[in-house]
Amino acid sequence: MWCIMYTHNTPHRREDMHRLQVMVTEEHYAWLKERARASGKSISQVIRELLDEAEAALSRSVMDDPFWDIVGMARGDDPYAGVEHDRHIYADRRE
C-alpha cells in the first residue's frame, strides 16, 4: 500500500512541504484511515501530527520527566535504603 503525504516545517505552508511516498502495512493503513475519518482530517495531516508528537517526545529531556519530582521527598538514615528499597517499601506486607 502506498501513502502519499507531505512533510513540513512549521508553520504548515504548502511551499514548506515535501512530497513523500511511504509503504505501510494494511493494518497501518486501516488504522490511519480510521483515525483520519474519526478526526475529520486527511491521512497526511494525521501522519504530520504523529510526526510532530514523536519529535516533541524525543526532544524532551529525561530530566523533564515528572518522576524526578519525587527524588528527595523522603529522608532516612539507612545507607542501603536505595539499594534495598523493596525491604523498606514493603516491610509491613512481609511480616
C-alpha atoms as a PDB file:
ATOM      1  CA  MET A   1       0.000   0.000   0.000  1.00  0.00           C
ATOM      2  CA  TRP A   2       1.360   3.428  -0.898  1.00  0.00           C
ATOM      3  CA  CYS A   3       0.572   6.533   1.053  1.00  0.00           C
ATOM      4  CA  ILE A   4       1.402   9.970  -0.328  1.00  0.00           C
ATOM      5  CA  MET A   5       1.986  12.669   2.239  1.00  0.00           C
ATOM      6  CA  TYR A   6       3.662  15.995   2.795  1.00  0.00           C
ATOM      7  CA  THR A   7       6.300  16.567   5.408  1.00  0.00           C
ATOM      8  CA  HIS A   8       6.532  20.071   6.690  1.00  0.00           C
ATOM      9  CA  ASN A   9       8.325  22.755   8.549  1.00  0.00           C
ATOM     10  CA  THR A  10       6.240  24.807  10.928  1.00  0.00           C
ATOM     11  CA  PRO A  11       4.065  26.648  10.079  1.00  0.00           C
ATOM     12  CA  HIS A  12       2.190  24.282   7.755  1.00  0.00           C
ATOM     13  CA  ARG A  13       2.583  26.089   4.469  1.00  0.00           C
ATOM     14  CA  ARG A  14       2.480  24.124   1.264  1.00  0.00           C
ATOM     15  CA  GLU A  15       5.689  25.737  -0.009  1.00  0.00           C
ATOM     16  CA  ASP A  16       7.489  24.400   3.081  1.00  0.00           C
ATOM     17  CA  MET A  17       6.357  20.824   2.452  1.00  0.00           C
ATOM     18  CA  HIS A  18       7.973  17.958   0.593  1.00  0.00           C
ATOM     19  CA  ARG A  19       6.080  15.128  -1.058  1.00  0.00           C
ATOM     20  CA  LEU A  20       6.969  11.621   0.094  1.00  0.00           C
ATOM     21  CA  GLN A  21       5.812   8.136  -0.701  1.00  0.00           C
ATOM     22  CA  VAL A  22       5.904   5.567   2.048  1.00  0.00           C
ATOM     23  CA  MET A  23       4.913   1.915   2.181  1.00  0.00           C
ATOM     24  CA  VAL A  24       2.654   0.960   5.074  1.00  0.00           C
ATOM     25  CA  THR A  25       1.065  -2.334   6.050  1.00  0.00           C
ATOM     26  CA  GLU A  26      -2.639  -2.916   5.504  1.00  0.00           C
ATOM     27  CA  GLU A  27      -3.090  -2.697   9.283  1.00  0.00           C
ATOM     28  CA  HIS A  28      -1.318   0.663   9.497  1.00  0.00           C
ATOM     29  CA  TYR A  29      -3.278   1.977   6.528  1.00  0.00           C
ATOM     30  CA  ALA A  30      -6.594   0.891   8.069  1.00  0.00           C
ATOM     31  CA  TRP A  31      -5.617   2.493  11.385  1.00  0.00           C
ATOM     32  CA  LEU A  32      -4.552   5.752   9.715  1.00  0.00           C
ATOM     33  CA  LYS A  33      -7.687   5.808   7.574  1.00  0.00           C
ATOM     34  CA  GLU A  34      -9.946   5.293  10.608  1.00  0.00           C
ATOM     35  CA  ARG A  35      -8.093   7.890  12.682  1.00  0.00           C
ATOM     36  CA  ALA A  36      -8.356  10.368   9.803  1.00  0.00           C
ATOM     37  CA  ARG A  37     -12.078   9.646   9.340  1.00  0.00           C
ATOM     38  CA  ALA A  38     -12.805   9.971  13.058  1.00  0.00           C
ATOM     39  CA  SER A  39     -10.945  13.280  13.329  1.00  0.00           C
ATOM     40  CA  GLY A  40     -12.152  14.748  10.041  1.00  0.00           C
ATOM     41  CA  LYS A  41      -8.575  15.114   8.823  1.00  0.00           C
ATOM     42  CA  SER A  42      -6.633  13.737   5.896  1.00  0.00           C
ATOM     43  CA  ILE A  43      -4.315  10.783   6.348  1.00  0.00           C
ATOM     44  CA  SER A  44      -1.446  13.143   5.525  1.00  0.00           C
ATOM     45  CA  GLN A  45      -2.483  15.501   8.327  1.00  0.00           C
ATOM     46  CA  VAL A  46      -2.726  12.591  10.774  1.00  0.00           C
ATOM     47  CA  ILE A  47       0.787  11.474   9.821  1.00  0.00           C
ATOM     48  CA  ARG A  48       2.147  15.027  10.176  1.00  0.00           C
ATOM     49  CA  GLU A  49       0.607  15.303  13.646  1.00  0.00           C
ATOM     50  CA  LEU A  50       2.026  11.916  14.661  1.00  0.00           C
ATOM     51  CA  LEU A  51       5.459  13.054  13.475  1.00  0.00           C
ATOM     52  CA  ASP A  52       5.102  16.284  15.481  1.00  0.00           C
ATOM     53  CA  GLU A  53       4.168  14.261  18.593  1.00  0.00           C
ATOM     54  CA  ALA A  54       7.084  11.866  18.111  1.00  0.00           C
ATOM     55  CA  GLU A  55       9.514  14.741  17.571  1.00  0.00           C
ATOM     56  CA  ALA A  56       8.292  16.501  20.721  1.00  0.00           C
ATOM     57  CA  ALA A  57       8.528  13.303  22.771  1.00  0.00           C
ATOM     58  CA  LEU A  58      12.060  12.596  21.575  1.00  0.00           C
ATOM     59  CA  SER A  59      13.222  16.149  22.211  1.00  0.00           C
ATOM     60  CA  ARG A  60      12.054  16.196  25.832  1.00  0.00           C
ATOM     61  CA  SER A  61      14.850  15.643  28.262  1.00  0.00           C
ATOM     62  CA  VAL A  62      14.714  12.611  30.526  1.00  0.00           C
ATOM     63  CA  MET A  63      15.263  15.032  33.388  1.00  0.00           C
ATOM     64  CA  ASP A  64      11.990  16.804  32.466  1.00  0.00           C
ATOM     65  CA  ASP A  65      10.072  13.672  33.477  1.00  0.00           C
ATOM     66  CA  PRO A  66       7.775  14.377  36.469  1.00  0.00           C
ATOM     67  CA  PHE A  67       9.120  11.178  38.023  1.00  0.00           C
ATOM     68  CA  TRP A  68      12.163  13.116  39.178  1.00  0.00           C
ATOM     69  CA  ASP A  69       9.921  15.336  41.346  1.00  0.00           C
ATOM     70  CA  ILE A  70       9.800  12.533  43.935  1.00  0.00           C
ATOM     71  CA  VAL A  71      13.568  12.384  44.338  1.00  0.00           C
ATOM     72  CA  GLY A  72      14.491  13.629  47.789  1.00  0.00           C
ATOM     73  CA  MET A  73      10.928  13.554  49.145  1.00  0.00           C
ATOM     74  CA  ALA A  74      11.821  11.034  51.840  1.00  0.00           C
ATOM     75  CA  ARG A  75      14.661  11.037  54.303  1.00  0.00           C
ATOM     76  CA  GLY A  76      16.207   8.302  56.385  1.00  0.00           C
ATOM     77  CA  ASP A  77      19.424   7.174  57.969  1.00  0.00           C
ATOM     78  CA  ASP A  78      19.715   3.724  56.347  1.00  0.00           C
ATOM     79  CA  PRO A  79      22.590   3.953  53.835  1.00  0.00           C
ATOM     80  CA  TYR A  80      21.191   0.932  51.936  1.00  0.00           C
ATOM     81  CA  ALA A  81      17.638   2.251  51.521  1.00  0.00           C
ATOM     82  CA  GLY A  82      18.213   2.990  47.843  1.00  0.00           C
ATOM     83  CA  VAL A  83      19.669  -0.442  47.184  1.00  0.00           C
ATOM     84  CA  GLU A  84      17.242  -2.411  49.345  1.00  0.00           C
ATOM     85  CA  HIS A  85      14.213  -0.249  48.660  1.00  0.00           C
ATOM     86  CA  ASP A  86      11.752  -3.163  48.498  1.00  0.00           C
ATOM     87  CA  ARG A  87      12.584  -4.046  52.102  1.00  0.00           C
ATOM     88  CA  HIS A  88      11.619  -0.515  53.153  1.00  0.00           C
ATOM     89  CA  ILE A  89       8.602  -0.088  50.897  1.00  0.00           C
ATOM     90  CA  TYR A  90       7.009  -3.474  51.529  1.00  0.00           C
ATOM     91  CA  ALA A  91       8.154  -4.085  55.125  1.00  0.00           C
ATOM     92  CA  ASP A  92       4.603  -4.184  56.521  1.00  0.00           C
ATOM     93  CA  ARG A  93       3.435  -6.720  53.931  1.00  0.00           C
ATOM     94  CA  ARG A  94       6.288  -9.167  54.537  1.00  0.00           C
ATOM     95  CA  GLU A  95       5.670  -9.580  58.241  1.00  0.00           C
END
